[in-house]
Amino acid sequence: MTQRRRQDLILELVQKSGFVTIDELVEHFDVTPQTIRRDLNLLAKQNLLRRHHGGAGVDSSTVNTAYQARKIMDLEAKEKIANELVKMIPDGASLFINIGTTTETIARALLGHRNLRIVTNNLHVATILSAKEDFNVIIAGGEVRNRDGGIVGEATRDFINQFKMDFGIIGISGIHADGSLLDFDYREVRVAQTIIANSRQVILAADHTKFGRNAMVRLGDITQADHFFTDQAPHVDIRQMLRDSEVELHVV
């Protein structure tokens, strides 16, 4: 099989599933991991797909990548972000945690804490944190999205409005070059806005793949955060926005 033909078939697989791992492609084409990495890097340079640690995916402004794929995408970066972020959270604190695989990774990193009070609209976060007997975990009411365990809707917003928490931990699907925070579901965005409004400190967490990623719903602006945790330094324009708005940047 020629390199061009293999790359065309790789694109077909990525477009069909939304995300494929290097291991899957190695098995499918019976070639070395180095060959697949070269193919993916070439396709990424042509903006035909987006390269991720361990695989590749395609971007859509209307539909997010499947939940099971997002769980393993850039996991190492998410874990580094989570391990650094949780150092900011003192024992006995209260916090919101919203929807996303990054916030689920943060939840796992919080298991070493004591006496936390958590309100979340993420069933997976609630499951992770309820393992600690000294944690008080409250699940927001509303409609459960079967694709990822997120809870959204007007009832969710009304529920969250009953609380004022020390921290709001926010994950996001994309960050535009102008600093806009982007997501795919307007109902999820409205819940996230409510979390921001009811948090004494807002902590935004996003790995470098979220920079420039397309999503059609505007959640807000990066300058609404008090702290921003990421794994690579953002573009100079974003860094200047953060400095001007006194948002503390943490590059792990």
C-alpha atoms as a PDB file:
ATOM      1  CA  MET A   1       0.000   0.000   0.000  1.00  0.00           C
ATOM      2  CA  THR A   2       1.319   3.434  -0.904  1.00  0.00           C
ATOM      3  CA  GLN A   3       1.781   6.128   1.719  1.00  0.00           C
ATOM      4  CA  ARG A   4      -0.831   8.332   0.003  1.00  0.00           C
ATOM      5  CA  ARG A   5      -3.412   5.539  -0.020  1.00  0.00           C
ATOM      6  CA  ARG A   6      -2.753   4.749   3.658  1.00  0.00           C
ATOM      7  CA  GLN A   7      -3.152   8.402   4.606  1.00  0.00           C
ATOM      8  CA  ASP A   8      -6.442   8.612   2.697  1.00  0.00           C
ATOM      9  CA  LEU A   9      -7.706   5.575   4.603  1.00  0.00           C
ATOM     10  CA  ILE A  10      -6.512   7.055   7.902  1.00  0.00           C
ATOM     11  CA  LEU A  11      -8.558  10.172   7.177  1.00  0.00           C
ATOM     12  CA  GLU A  12     -11.617   8.045   6.451  1.00  0.00           C
ATOM     13  CA  LEU A  13     -11.229   6.222   9.772  1.00  0.00           C
ATOM     14  CA  VAL A  14     -10.751   9.446  11.715  1.00  0.00           C
ATOM     15  CA  GLN A  15     -13.739  11.114  10.091  1.00  0.00           C
ATOM     16  CA  LYS A  16     -15.897   8.063  10.741  1.00  0.00           C
ATOM     17  CA  SER A  17     -15.101   7.684  14.453  1.00  0.00           C
ATOM     18  CA  GLY A  18     -14.013  11.208  15.416  1.00  0.00           C
ATOM     19  CA  PHE A  19     -10.824   9.932  17.068  1.00  0.00           C
ATOM     20  CA  VAL A  20      -8.479   6.994  16.523  1.00  0.00           C
ATOM     21  CA  THR A  21      -5.469   5.889  18.523  1.00  0.00           C
ATOM     22  CA  ILE A  22      -2.023   5.133  17.148  1.00  0.00           C
ATOM     23  CA  ASP A  23      -2.349   1.557  18.424  1.00  0.00           C
ATOM     24  CA  GLU A  24      -5.573   1.074  16.486  1.00  0.00           C
ATOM     25  CA  LEU A  25      -3.977   2.377  13.286  1.00  0.00           C
ATOM     26  CA  VAL A  26      -0.859   0.235  13.754  1.00  0.00           C
ATOM     27  CA  GLU A  27      -3.021  -2.869  14.052  1.00  0.00           C
ATOM     28  CA  HIS A  28      -5.296  -1.875  11.185  1.00  0.00           C
ATOM     29  CA  PHE A  29      -2.490  -1.181   8.674  1.00  0.00           C
ATOM     30  CA  ASP A  30       0.120  -3.582  10.076  1.00  0.00           C
ATOM     31  CA  VAL A  31       2.859  -0.935  10.112  1.00  0.00           C
ATOM     32  CA  THR A  32       5.111   0.488  12.815  1.00  0.00           C
ATOM     33  CA  PRO A  33       4.013   3.206  15.265  1.00  0.00           C
ATOM     34  CA  GLN A  34       6.707   5.459  13.770  1.00  0.00           C
ATOM     35  CA  THR A  35       5.094   5.147  10.333  1.00  0.00           C
ATOM     36  CA  ILE A  36       1.673   6.072  11.710  1.00  0.00           C
ATOM     37  CA  ARG A  37       3.106   9.034  13.629  1.00  0.00           C
ATOM     38  CA  ARG A  38       4.725  10.341  10.443  1.00  0.00           C
ATOM     39  CA  ASP A  39       1.436   9.949   8.575  1.00  0.00           C
ATOM     40  CA  LEU A  40      -0.516  11.765  11.281  1.00  0.00           C
ATOM     41  CA  ASN A  41       2.018  14.582  11.495  1.00  0.00           C
ATOM     42  CA  LEU A  42       1.875  15.115   7.731  1.00  0.00           C
ATOM     43  CA  LEU A  43      -1.927  15.131   7.728  1.00  0.00           C
ATOM     44  CA  ALA A  44      -1.965  17.539  10.674  1.00  0.00           C
ATOM     45  CA  LYS A  45       0.374  19.945   8.843  1.00  0.00           C
ATOM     46  CA  GLN A  46      -2.167  19.981   5.997  1.00  0.00           C
ATOM     47  CA  ASN A  47      -4.924  20.788   8.544  1.00  0.00           C
ATOM     48  CA  LEU A  48      -6.767  17.617   7.564  1.00  0.00           C
ATOM     49  CA  LEU A  49      -6.929  16.386  11.154  1.00  0.00           C
ATOM     50  CA  ARG A  50      -5.847  17.430  14.632  1.00  0.00           C
ATOM     51  CA  ARG A  51      -2.945  15.573  16.224  1.00  0.00           C
ATOM     52  CA  HIS A  52      -3.367  14.469  19.838  1.00  0.00           C
ATOM     53  CA  HIS A  53      -1.152  12.577  22.226  1.00  0.00           C
ATOM     54  CA  GLY A  54      -1.759   8.924  21.397  1.00  0.00           C
ATOM     55  CA  GLY A  55      -3.819   9.475  18.270  1.00  0.00           C
ATOM     56  CA  ALA A  56      -5.665  11.979  16.078  1.00  0.00           C
ATOM     57  CA  GLY A  57      -9.148  13.425  15.606  1.00  0.00           C
ATOM     58  CA  VAL A  58     -11.154  15.871  13.542  1.00  0.00           C
ATOM     59  CA  ASP A  59     -12.744  19.099  14.663  1.00  0.00           C
ATOM     60  CA  SER A  60     -16.363  20.112  14.191  1.00  0.00           C
ATOM     61  CA  SER A  61     -17.912  23.370  15.359  1.00  0.00           C
ATOM     62  CA  THR A  62     -21.270  21.684  15.970  1.00  0.00           C
ATOM     63  CA  VAL A  63     -20.528  18.214  17.391  1.00  0.00           C
ATOM     64  CA  ASN A  64     -18.013  17.326  20.080  1.00  0.00           C
ATOM     65  CA  THR A  65     -15.726  14.305  19.853  1.00  0.00           C
ATOM     66  CA  ALA A  66     -17.237  11.180  21.402  1.00  0.00           C
ATOM     67  CA  TYR A  67     -16.892  10.948  25.187  1.00  0.00           C
ATOM     68  CA  GLN A  68     -14.928   7.677  25.242  1.00  0.00           C
ATOM     69  CA  ALA A  69     -12.426   9.126  22.774  1.00  0.00           C
ATOM     70  CA  ARG A  70     -12.062  12.359  24.758  1.00  0.00           C
ATOM     71  CA  LYS A  71     -11.328  10.369  27.914  1.00  0.00           C
ATOM     72  CA  ILE A  72      -8.018   9.162  26.501  1.00  0.00           C
ATOM     73  CA  MET A  73      -7.087  12.167  24.360  1.00  0.00           C
ATOM     74  CA  ASP A  74      -4.135  14.077  25.827  1.00  0.00           C
ATOM     75  CA  LEU A  75      -4.588  12.257  29.117  1.00  0.00           C
ATOM     76  CA  GLU A  76      -1.020  12.890  30.253  1.00  0.00           C
ATOM     77  CA  ALA A  77      -1.463  16.648  29.834  1.00  0.00           C
ATOM     78  CA  LYS A  78      -4.793  16.558  31.682  1.00  0.00           C
ATOM     79  CA  GLU A  79      -3.216  14.679  34.575  1.00  0.00           C
ATOM     80  CA  LYS A  80      -0.353  17.190  34.833  1.00  0.00           C
ATOM     81  CA  ILE A  81      -2.851  20.052  34.864  1.00  0.00           C
ATOM     82  CA  ALA A  82      -5.014  18.302  37.461  1.00  0.00           C
ATOM     83  CA  ASN A  83      -2.140  17.494  39.804  1.00  0.00           C
ATOM     84  CA  GLU A  84      -0.985  21.112  39.814  1.00  0.00           C
ATOM     85  CA  LEU A  85      -4.441  22.659  40.004  1.00  0.00           C
ATOM     86  CA  VAL A  86      -5.574  20.741  43.082  1.00  0.00           C
ATOM     87  CA  LYS A  87      -2.691  22.237  45.064  1.00  0.00           C
ATOM     88  CA  MET A  88      -4.742  25.452  45.067  1.00  0.00           C
ATOM     89  CA  ILE A  89      -7.699  23.794  46.771  1.00  0.00           C
ATOM     90  CA  PRO A  90      -7.428  23.694  50.579  1.00  0.00           C
ATOM     91  CA  ASP A  91      -8.990  20.978  52.705  1.00  0.00           C
ATOM     92  CA  GLY A  92     -12.489  21.965  53.781  1.00  0.00           C
ATOM     93  CA  ALA A  93     -13.169  24.067  50.670  1.00  0.00           C
ATOM     94  CA  SER A  94     -16.411  24.244  48.696  1.00  0.00           C
ATOM     95  CA  LEU A  95     -16.359  24.005  44.921  1.00  0.00           C
ATOM     96  CA  PHE A  96     -18.336  23.635  41.725  1.00  0.00           C
ATOM     97  CA  ILE A  97     -17.055  21.229  39.074  1.00  0.00           C
ATOM     98  CA  ASN A  98     -18.610  21.299  35.606  1.00  0.00           C
ATOM     99  CA  ILE A  99     -18.856  18.868  32.686  1.00  0.00           C
ATOM    100  CA  GLY A 100     -15.823  17.475  30.885  1.00  0.00           C
ATOM    101  CA  THR A 101     -13.108  14.853  30.827  1.00  0.00           C
ATOM    102  CA  THR A 102     -10.557  17.378  32.113  1.00  0.00           C
ATOM    103  CA  THR A 103     -12.683  18.100  35.180  1.00  0.00           C
ATOM    104  CA  GLU A 104     -13.107  14.356  35.732  1.00  0.00           C
ATOM    105  CA  THR A 105      -9.318  14.042  35.817  1.00  0.00           C
ATOM    106  CA  ILE A 106      -9.230  16.901  38.328  1.00  0.00           C
ATOM    107  CA  ALA A 107     -11.821  15.094  40.452  1.00  0.00           C
ATOM    108  CA  ARG A 108      -9.572  12.047  40.680  1.00  0.00           C
ATOM    109  CA  ALA A 109      -6.675  14.275  41.732  1.00  0.00           C
ATOM    110  CA  LEU A 110      -8.839  15.720  44.531  1.00  0.00           C
ATOM    111  CA  LEU A 111      -9.207  12.345  46.261  1.00  0.00           C
ATOM    112  CA  GLY A 112      -6.187  13.112  48.421  1.00  0.00           C
ATOM    113  CA  HIS A 113      -8.012  16.089  49.973  1.00  0.00           C
ATOM    114  CA  ARG A 114     -10.226  16.078  53.061  1.00  0.00           C
ATOM    115  CA  ASN A 115     -13.670  17.456  53.913  1.00  0.00           C
ATOM    116  CA  LEU A 116     -14.527  18.965  50.552  1.00  0.00           C
ATOM    117  CA  ARG A 117     -18.031  20.153  49.649  1.00  0.00           C
ATOM    118  CA  ILE A 118     -18.745  19.713  45.958  1.00  0.00           C
ATOM    119  CA  VAL A 119     -21.669  20.685  43.739  1.00  0.00           C
ATOM    120  CA  THR A 120     -21.438  19.208  40.232  1.00  0.00           C
ATOM    121  CA  ASN A 121     -23.518  18.696  37.113  1.00  0.00           C
ATOM    122  CA  ASN A 122     -21.251  15.834  36.038  1.00  0.00           C
ATOM    123  CA  LEU A 123     -22.349  12.319  37.005  1.00  0.00           C
ATOM    124  CA  HIS A 124     -18.837  10.949  36.479  1.00  0.00           C
ATOM    125  CA  VAL A 125     -17.346  13.549  38.817  1.00  0.00           C
ATOM    126  CA  ALA A 126     -19.978  12.711  41.429  1.00  0.00           C
ATOM    127  CA  THR A 127     -19.174   8.994  41.152  1.00  0.00           C
ATOM    128  CA  ILE A 128     -15.431   9.601  41.503  1.00  0.00           C
ATOM    129  CA  LEU A 129     -15.719  11.922  44.507  1.00  0.00           C
ATOM    130  CA  SER A 130     -18.421   9.993  46.358  1.00  0.00           C
ATOM    131  CA  ALA A 131     -15.777   7.352  47.120  1.00  0.00           C
ATOM    132  CA  LYS A 132     -14.506   9.638  49.897  1.00  0.00           C
ATOM    133  CA  GLU A 133     -16.593   9.368  53.073  1.00  0.00           C
ATOM    134  CA  ASP A 134     -15.564  12.831  54.276  1.00  0.00           C
ATOM    135  CA  PHE A 135     -16.675  14.512  51.022  1.00  0.00           C
ATOM    136  CA  ASN A 136     -20.155  15.989  50.703  1.00  0.00           C
ATOM    137  CA  VAL A 137     -21.121  15.593  47.043  1.00  0.00           C
ATOM    138  CA  ILE A 138     -24.277  17.247  45.712  1.00  0.00           C
ATOM    139  CA  ILE A 139     -25.557  16.499  42.209  1.00  0.00           C
ATOM    140  CA  ALA A 140     -27.432  19.242  40.396  1.00  0.00           C
ATOM    141  CA  GLY A 141     -30.869  18.316  39.069  1.00  0.00           C
ATOM    142  CA  GLY A 142     -31.780  18.477  35.423  1.00  0.00           C
ATOM    143  CA  GLU A 143     -31.613  16.506  32.178  1.00  0.00           C
ATOM    144  CA  VAL A 144     -28.869  13.874  31.970  1.00  0.00           C
ATOM    145  CA  ARG A 145     -27.069  13.694  28.621  1.00  0.00           C
ATOM    146  CA  ASN A 146     -26.621  10.001  27.936  1.00  0.00           C
ATOM    147  CA  ARG A 147     -23.524  10.565  25.811  1.00  0.00           C
ATOM    148  CA  ASP A 148     -21.340  11.844  28.657  1.00  0.00           C
ATOM    149  CA  GLY A 149     -23.243  11.985  31.953  1.00  0.00           C
ATOM    150  CA  GLY A 150     -23.534  15.766  31.908  1.00  0.00           C
ATOM    151  CA  ILE A 151     -26.580  17.368  33.554  1.00  0.00           C
ATOM    152  CA  VAL A 152     -28.028  20.431  31.825  1.00  0.00           C
ATOM    153  CA  GLY A 153     -31.140  22.570  31.556  1.00  0.00           C
ATOM    154  CA  GLU A 154     -33.044  25.301  33.356  1.00  0.00           C
ATOM    155  CA  ALA A 155     -33.501  23.149  36.463  1.00  0.00           C
ATOM    156  CA  THR A 156     -29.727  22.726  36.653  1.00  0.00           C
ATOM    157  CA  ARG A 157     -29.169  26.473  36.536  1.00  0.00           C
ATOM    158  CA  ASP A 158     -31.816  27.109  39.172  1.00  0.00           C
ATOM    159  CA  PHE A 159     -30.233  24.492  41.433  1.00  0.00           C
ATOM    160  CA  ILE A 160     -26.716  25.920  41.107  1.00  0.00           C
ATOM    161  CA  ASN A 161     -28.031  29.428  41.829  1.00  0.00           C
ATOM    162  CA  GLN A 162     -28.787  28.269  45.376  1.00  0.00           C
ATOM    163  CA  PHE A 163     -25.062  28.035  46.195  1.00  0.00           C
ATOM    164  CA  LYS A 164     -22.092  30.364  46.576  1.00  0.00           C
ATOM    165  CA  MET A 165     -18.875  28.330  46.500  1.00  0.00           C
ATOM    166  CA  ASP A 166     -15.200  29.056  47.162  1.00  0.00           C
ATOM    167  CA  PHE A 167     -14.082  27.767  43.762  1.00  0.00           C
ATOM    168  CA  GLY A 168     -15.608  27.049  40.381  1.00  0.00           C
ATOM    169  CA  ILE A 169     -13.558  24.587  38.310  1.00  0.00           C
ATOM    170  CA  ILE A 170     -14.399  24.952  34.631  1.00  0.00           C
ATOM    171  CA  GLY A 171     -13.390  22.834  31.650  1.00  0.00           C
ATOM    172  CA  ILE A 172     -13.918  24.105  28.117  1.00  0.00           C
ATOM    173  CA  SER A 173     -14.047  22.683  24.576  1.00  0.00           C
ATOM    174  CA  GLY A 174     -12.266  25.482  22.727  1.00  0.00           C
ATOM    175  CA  ILE A 175     -10.503  28.822  23.142  1.00  0.00           C
ATOM    176  CA  HIS A 176     -10.665  31.292  20.251  1.00  0.00           C
ATOM    177  CA  ALA A 177      -7.748  33.563  19.384  1.00  0.00           C
ATOM    178  CA  ASP A 178      -9.750  36.534  20.741  1.00  0.00           C
ATOM    179  CA  GLY A 179     -10.050  34.854  24.154  1.00  0.00           C
ATOM    180  CA  SER A 180     -13.608  33.584  23.722  1.00  0.00           C
ATOM    181  CA  LEU A 181     -14.400  30.338  25.541  1.00  0.00           C
ATOM    182  CA  LEU A 182     -16.339  27.995  23.266  1.00  0.00           C
ATOM    183  CA  ASP A 183     -18.507  24.917  23.703  1.00  0.00           C
ATOM    184  CA  PHE A 184     -21.017  22.808  21.777  1.00  0.00           C
ATOM    185  CA  ASP A 185     -24.235  22.777  23.842  1.00  0.00           C
ATOM    186  CA  TYR A 186     -25.895  26.085  24.732  1.00  0.00           C
ATOM    187  CA  ARG A 187     -27.547  24.424  27.737  1.00  0.00           C
ATOM    188  CA  GLU A 188     -24.162  23.371  29.096  1.00  0.00           C
ATOM    189  CA  VAL A 189     -22.832  26.870  28.463  1.00  0.00           C
ATOM    190  CA  ARG A 190     -25.639  28.493  30.452  1.00  0.00           C
ATOM    191  CA  VAL A 191     -24.938  26.187  33.389  1.00  0.00           C
ATOM    192  CA  ALA A 192     -21.218  27.015  33.215  1.00  0.00           C
ATOM    193  CA  GLN A 193     -22.045  30.737  33.194  1.00  0.00           C
ATOM    194  CA  THR A 194     -24.102  30.228  36.358  1.00  0.00           C
ATOM    195  CA  ILE A 195     -21.201  28.404  38.011  1.00  0.00           C
ATOM    196  CA  ILE A 196     -18.873  31.309  37.159  1.00  0.00           C
ATOM    197  CA  ALA A 197     -21.358  33.826  38.573  1.00  0.00           C
ATOM    198  CA  ASN A 198     -21.601  31.936  41.876  1.00  0.00           C
ATOM    199  CA  SER A 199     -17.903  31.191  42.451  1.00  0.00           C
ATOM    200  CA  ARG A 200     -15.607  33.350  44.573  1.00  0.00           C
ATOM    201  CA  GLN A 201     -12.674  32.197  42.425  1.00  0.00           C
ATOM    202  CA  VAL A 202     -12.930  30.753  38.908  1.00  0.00           C
ATOM    203  CA  ILE A 203     -10.305  28.228  37.823  1.00  0.00           C
ATOM    204  CA  LEU A 204     -10.192  27.413  34.109  1.00  0.00           C
ATOM    205  CA  ALA A 205      -8.434  24.215  33.008  1.00  0.00           C
ATOM    206  CA  ALA A 206      -7.644  23.405  29.361  1.00  0.00           C
ATOM    207  CA  ASP A 207      -4.796  21.609  27.628  1.00  0.00           C
ATOM    208  CA  HIS A 208      -3.059  23.111  24.588  1.00  0.00           C
ATOM    209  CA  THR A 209      -5.266  21.291  22.053  1.00  0.00           C
ATOM    210  CA  LYS A 210      -8.177  23.546  23.051  1.00  0.00           C
ATOM    211  CA  PHE A 211      -6.438  26.627  21.603  1.00  0.00           C
ATOM    212  CA  GLY A 212      -7.974  27.395  18.216  1.00  0.00           C
ATOM    213  CA  ARG A 213     -10.455  24.502  18.479  1.00  0.00           C
ATOM    214  CA  ASN A 214     -13.829  25.190  16.884  1.00  0.00           C
ATOM    215  CA  ALA A 215     -17.128  25.128  18.779  1.00  0.00           C
ATOM    216  CA  MET A 216     -20.215  27.143  17.951  1.00  0.00           C
ATOM    217  CA  VAL A 217     -21.464  28.400  21.345  1.00  0.00           C
ATOM    218  CA  ARG A 218     -19.697  31.208  23.178  1.00  0.00           C
ATOM    219  CA  LEU A 219     -19.499  30.582  26.928  1.00  0.00           C
ATOM    220  CA  GLY A 220     -17.695  33.742  27.901  1.00  0.00           C
ATOM    221  CA  ASP A 221     -14.175  35.102  27.910  1.00  0.00           C
ATOM    222  CA  ILE A 222     -10.894  33.776  29.247  1.00  0.00           C
ATOM    223  CA  THR A 223     -10.507  36.982  31.261  1.00  0.00           C
ATOM    224  CA  GLN A 224     -13.447  35.921  33.472  1.00  0.00           C
ATOM    225  CA  ALA A 225     -11.178  33.365  35.134  1.00  0.00           C
ATOM    226  CA  ASP A 226      -9.008  34.108  38.147  1.00  0.00           C
ATOM    227  CA  HIS A 227      -6.592  31.292  37.315  1.00  0.00           C
ATOM    228  CA  PHE A 228      -5.892  29.472  34.055  1.00  0.00           C
ATOM    229  CA  PHE A 229      -4.118  26.099  34.070  1.00  0.00           C
ATOM    230  CA  THR A 230      -2.710  24.650  30.838  1.00  0.00           C
ATOM    231  CA  ASP A 231       0.197  22.501  29.684  1.00  0.00           C
ATOM    232  CA  GLN A 232       1.753  24.814  27.069  1.00  0.00           C
ATOM    233  CA  ALA A 233       2.130  28.575  26.949  1.00  0.00           C
ATOM    234  CA  PRO A 234      -0.677  30.137  24.885  1.00  0.00           C
ATOM    235  CA  HIS A 235      -0.157  32.636  22.069  1.00  0.00           C
ATOM    236  CA  VAL A 236       1.354  35.967  23.046  1.00  0.00           C
ATOM    237  CA  ASP A 237      -1.989  37.745  22.465  1.00  0.00           C
ATOM    238  CA  ILE A 238      -3.734  35.450  24.937  1.00  0.00           C
ATOM    239  CA  ARG A 239      -0.934  35.937  27.464  1.00  0.00           C
ATOM    240  CA  GLN A 240      -1.333  39.698  27.158  1.00  0.00           C
ATOM    241  CA  MET A 241      -5.102  39.429  27.730  1.00  0.00           C
ATOM    242  CA  LEU A 242      -4.447  37.432  30.870  1.00  0.00           C
ATOM    243  CA  ARG A 243      -1.917  39.952  32.174  1.00  0.00           C
ATOM    244  CA  ASP A 244      -4.215  42.902  31.428  1.00  0.00           C
ATOM    245  CA  SER A 245      -7.076  41.234  33.318  1.00  0.00           C
ATOM    246  CA  GLU A 246      -4.863  39.965  36.145  1.00  0.00           C
ATOM    247  CA  VAL A 247      -5.647  36.330  35.408  1.00  0.00           C
ATOM    248  CA  GLU A 248      -2.867  34.147  36.799  1.00  0.00           C
ATOM    249  CA  LEU A 249      -1.455  31.786  34.169  1.00  0.00           C
ATOM    250  CA  HIS A 250      -0.147  28.396  35.316  1.00  0.00           C
ATOM    251  CA  VAL A 251       1.783  26.442  32.658  1.00  0.00           C
ATOM    252  CA  VAL A 252       2.491  22.969  34.043  1.00  0.00           C
END
